[in-house]
Amino acid sequence: MMGKAGQPVFFDVYRLVRQVSWDRNLFGAKILREETARRA
């Protein structure tokens, strides 16, 4: 993973992980909003 050959791979993985966690956060926020609306 060292050097120029490994850098693009690392950044691709990093971007993918960020995208997945971002999607999960949006999904969690949607669930939380529905829960609060149901309770109110």
PDB file of N, CA and C in Angstrom:
ATOM      1  N   MET A   1       0.825  -1.214   0.000  1.00  0.00           N
ATOM      2  CA  MET A   1       0.000   0.000   0.000  1.00  0.00           C
ATOM      3  C   MET A   1       0.860   1.267   0.000  1.00  0.00           C
ATOM      4  N   MET A   2       2.168   1.113  -0.132  1.00  0.00           N
ATOM      5  CA  MET A   2       3.033   2.284  -0.094  1.00  0.00           C
ATOM      6  C   MET A   2       3.322   2.777  -1.505  1.00  0.00           C
ATOM      7  N   GLY A   3       3.617   4.067  -1.606  1.00  0.00           N
ATOM      8  CA  GLY A   3       4.035   4.619  -2.892  1.00  0.00           C
ATOM      9  C   GLY A   3       2.865   5.047  -3.759  1.00  0.00           C
ATOM     10  N   LYS A   4       3.204   5.434  -4.990  1.00  0.00           N
ATOM     11  CA  LYS A   4       2.195   5.993  -5.891  1.00  0.00           C
ATOM     12  C   LYS A   4       1.175   4.941  -6.312  1.00  0.00           C
ATOM     13  N   ALA A   5       1.600   3.673  -6.389  1.00  0.00           N
ATOM     14  CA  ALA A   5       0.675   2.637  -6.855  1.00  0.00           C
ATOM     15  C   ALA A   5      -0.431   2.399  -5.829  1.00  0.00           C
ATOM     16  N   GLY A   6      -0.119   2.557  -4.539  1.00  0.00           N
ATOM     17  CA  GLY A   6      -1.091   2.254  -3.506  1.00  0.00           C
ATOM     18  C   GLY A   6      -2.021   3.405  -3.180  1.00  0.00           C
ATOM     19  N   GLN A   7      -1.629   4.610  -3.536  1.00  0.00           N
ATOM     20  CA  GLN A   7      -2.421   5.766  -3.119  1.00  0.00           C
ATOM     21  C   GLN A   7      -3.825   5.788  -3.722  1.00  0.00           C
ATOM     22  N   PRO A   8      -3.985   5.589  -5.034  1.00  0.00           N
ATOM     23  CA  PRO A   8      -5.341   5.620  -5.590  1.00  0.00           C
ATOM     24  C   PRO A   8      -6.245   4.564  -4.956  1.00  0.00           C
ATOM     25  N   VAL A   9      -5.700   3.391  -4.671  1.00  0.00           N
ATOM     26  CA  VAL A   9      -6.500   2.340  -4.047  1.00  0.00           C
ATOM     27  C   VAL A   9      -6.970   2.796  -2.679  1.00  0.00           C
ATOM     28  N   PHE A  10      -6.051   3.381  -1.909  1.00  0.00           N
ATOM     29  CA  PHE A  10      -6.400   3.854  -0.572  1.00  0.00           C
ATOM     30  C   PHE A  10      -7.502   4.898  -0.639  1.00  0.00           C
ATOM     31  N   PHE A  11      -7.380   5.839  -1.578  1.00  0.00           N
ATOM     32  CA  PHE A  11      -8.380   6.903  -1.657  1.00  0.00           C
ATOM     33  C   PHE A  11      -9.721   6.362  -2.147  1.00  0.00           C
ATOM     34  N   ASP A  12      -9.694   5.360  -3.018  1.00  0.00           N
ATOM     35  CA  ASP A  12     -10.955   4.750  -3.453  1.00  0.00           C
ATOM     36  C   ASP A  12     -11.660   4.082  -2.279  1.00  0.00           C
ATOM     37  N   VAL A  13     -10.894   3.341  -1.476  1.00  0.00           N
ATOM     38  CA  VAL A  13     -11.478   2.679  -0.311  1.00  0.00           C
ATOM     39  C   VAL A  13     -12.000   3.711   0.672  1.00  0.00           C
ATOM     40  N   TYR A  14     -11.212   4.769   0.885  1.00  0.00           N
ATOM     41  CA  TYR A  14     -11.607   5.824   1.819  1.00  0.00           C
ATOM     42  C   TYR A  14     -12.906   6.482   1.374  1.00  0.00           C
ATOM     43  N   ARG A  15     -13.008   6.766   0.064  1.00  0.00           N
ATOM     44  CA  ARG A  15     -14.210   7.404  -0.454  1.00  0.00           C
ATOM     45  C   ARG A  15     -15.407   6.461  -0.315  1.00  0.00           C
ATOM     46  N   LEU A  16     -15.185   5.174  -0.568  1.00  0.00           N
ATOM     47  CA  LEU A  16     -16.273   4.203  -0.467  1.00  0.00           C
ATOM     48  C   LEU A  16     -16.771   4.103   0.968  1.00  0.00           C
ATOM     49  N   VAL A  17     -15.842   4.053   1.925  1.00  0.00           N
ATOM     50  CA  VAL A  17     -16.232   3.960   3.333  1.00  0.00           C
ATOM     51  C   VAL A  17     -17.009   5.195   3.748  1.00  0.00           C
ATOM     52  N   ARG A  18     -16.547   6.365   3.313  1.00  0.00           N
ATOM     53  CA  ARG A  18     -17.259   7.598   3.661  1.00  0.00           C
ATOM     54  C   ARG A  18     -18.659   7.601   3.059  1.00  0.00           C
ATOM     55  N   GLN A  19     -18.783   7.117   1.820  1.00  0.00           N
ATOM     56  CA  GLN A  19     -20.092   7.088   1.168  1.00  0.00           C
ATOM     57  C   GLN A  19     -21.041   6.159   1.915  1.00  0.00           C
ATOM     58  N   VAL A  20     -20.534   4.993   2.307  1.00  0.00           N
ATOM     59  CA  VAL A  20     -21.379   4.019   3.006  1.00  0.00           C
ATOM     60  C   VAL A  20     -21.829   4.579   4.350  1.00  0.00           C
ATOM     61  N   SER A  21     -20.893   5.173   5.105  1.00  0.00           N
ATOM     62  CA  SER A  21     -21.257   5.698   6.423  1.00  0.00           C
ATOM     63  C   SER A  21     -22.211   6.883   6.272  1.00  0.00           C
ATOM     64  N   TRP A  22     -22.040   7.690   5.215  1.00  0.00           N
ATOM     65  CA  TRP A  22     -22.930   8.821   4.961  1.00  0.00           C
ATOM     66  C   TRP A  22     -24.344   8.319   4.682  1.00  0.00           C
ATOM     67  N   ASP A  23     -24.456   7.277   3.837  1.00  0.00           N
ATOM     68  CA  ASP A  23     -25.772   6.711   3.538  1.00  0.00           C
ATOM     69  C   ASP A  23     -26.412   6.159   4.805  1.00  0.00           C
ATOM     70  N   ARG A  24     -25.608   5.492   5.659  1.00  0.00           N
ATOM     71  CA  ARG A  24     -26.158   4.921   6.878  1.00  0.00           C
ATOM     72  C   ARG A  24     -26.630   6.021   7.810  1.00  0.00           C
ATOM     73  N   ASN A  25     -25.895   7.143   7.854  1.00  0.00           N
ATOM     74  CA  ASN A  25     -26.301   8.251   8.719  1.00  0.00           C
ATOM     75  C   ASN A  25     -27.615   8.852   8.232  1.00  0.00           C
ATOM     76  N   LEU A  26     -27.766   9.011   6.912  1.00  0.00           N
ATOM     77  CA  LEU A  26     -29.011   9.542   6.369  1.00  0.00           C
ATOM     78  C   LEU A  26     -30.171   8.600   6.686  1.00  0.00           C
ATOM     79  N   PHE A  27     -29.936   7.293   6.532  1.00  0.00           N
ATOM     80  CA  PHE A  27     -30.979   6.306   6.814  1.00  0.00           C
ATOM     81  C   PHE A  27     -31.362   6.347   8.285  1.00  0.00           C
ATOM     82  N   GLY A  28     -30.364   6.443   9.165  1.00  0.00           N
ATOM     83  CA  GLY A  28     -30.630   6.513  10.595  1.00  0.00           C
ATOM     84  C   GLY A  28     -31.414   7.761  10.958  1.00  0.00           C
ATOM     85  N   ALA A  29     -31.091   8.885  10.317  1.00  0.00           N
ATOM     86  CA  ALA A  29     -31.798  10.134  10.600  1.00  0.00           C
ATOM     87  C   ALA A  29     -33.257  10.018  10.160  1.00  0.00           C
ATOM     88  N   LYS A  30     -33.491   9.332   9.033  1.00  0.00           N
ATOM     89  CA  LYS A  30     -34.862   9.156   8.557  1.00  0.00           C
ATOM     90  C   LYS A  30     -35.661   8.324   9.555  1.00  0.00           C
ATOM     91  N   ILE A  31     -35.073   7.242  10.038  1.00  0.00           N
ATOM     92  CA  ILE A  31     -35.745   6.389  11.025  1.00  0.00           C
ATOM     93  C   ILE A  31     -36.044   7.190  12.290  1.00  0.00           C
ATOM     94  N   LEU A  32     -35.074   7.989  12.725  1.00  0.00           N
ATOM     95  CA  LEU A  32     -35.245   8.773  13.947  1.00  0.00           C
ATOM     96  C   LEU A  32     -36.380   9.780  13.780  1.00  0.00           C
ATOM     97  N   ARG A  33     -36.456  10.428  12.610  1.00  0.00           N
ATOM     98  CA  ARG A  33     -37.530  11.399  12.363  1.00  0.00           C
ATOM     99  C   ARG A  33     -38.887  10.717  12.407  1.00  0.00           C
ATOM    100  N   GLU A  34     -38.999   9.541  11.791  1.00  0.00           N
ATOM    101  CA  GLU A  34     -40.283   8.836  11.792  1.00  0.00           C
ATOM    102  C   GLU A  34     -40.677   8.419  13.202  1.00  0.00           C
ATOM    103  N   GLU A  35     -39.691   7.985  13.995  1.00  0.00           N
ATOM    104  CA  GLU A  35     -39.969   7.610  15.387  1.00  0.00           C
ATOM    105  C   GLU A  35     -40.485   8.808  16.173  1.00  0.00           C
ATOM    106  N   THR A  36     -39.842   9.955  16.011  1.00  0.00           N
ATOM    107  CA  THR A  36     -40.263  11.147  16.755  1.00  0.00           C
ATOM    108  C   THR A  36     -41.640  11.603  16.295  1.00  0.00           C
ATOM    109  N   ALA A  37     -41.911  11.521  14.998  1.00  0.00           N
ATOM    110  CA  ALA A  37     -43.217  11.940  14.494  1.00  0.00           C
ATOM    111  C   ALA A  37     -44.309  11.015  15.026  1.00  0.00           C
ATOM    112  N   ARG A  38     -44.003   9.729  15.127  1.00  0.00           N
ATOM    113  CA  ARG A  38     -44.997   8.783  15.621  1.00  0.00           C
ATOM    114  C   ARG A  38     -45.280   9.031  17.097  1.00  0.00           C
ATOM    115  N   ARG A  39     -44.244   9.445  17.842  1.00  0.00           N
ATOM    116  CA  ARG A  39     -44.414   9.643  19.277  1.00  0.00           C
ATOM    117  C   ARG A  39     -45.168  10.934  19.579  1.00  0.00           C
ATOM    118  N   ALA A  40     -44.976  11.949  18.753  1.00  0.00           N
ATOM    119  CA  ALA A  40     -45.575  13.261  19.030  1.00  0.00           C
ATOM    120  C   ALA A  40     -47.090  13.224  18.841  1.00  0.00           C
TER     121      ALA A  40
END
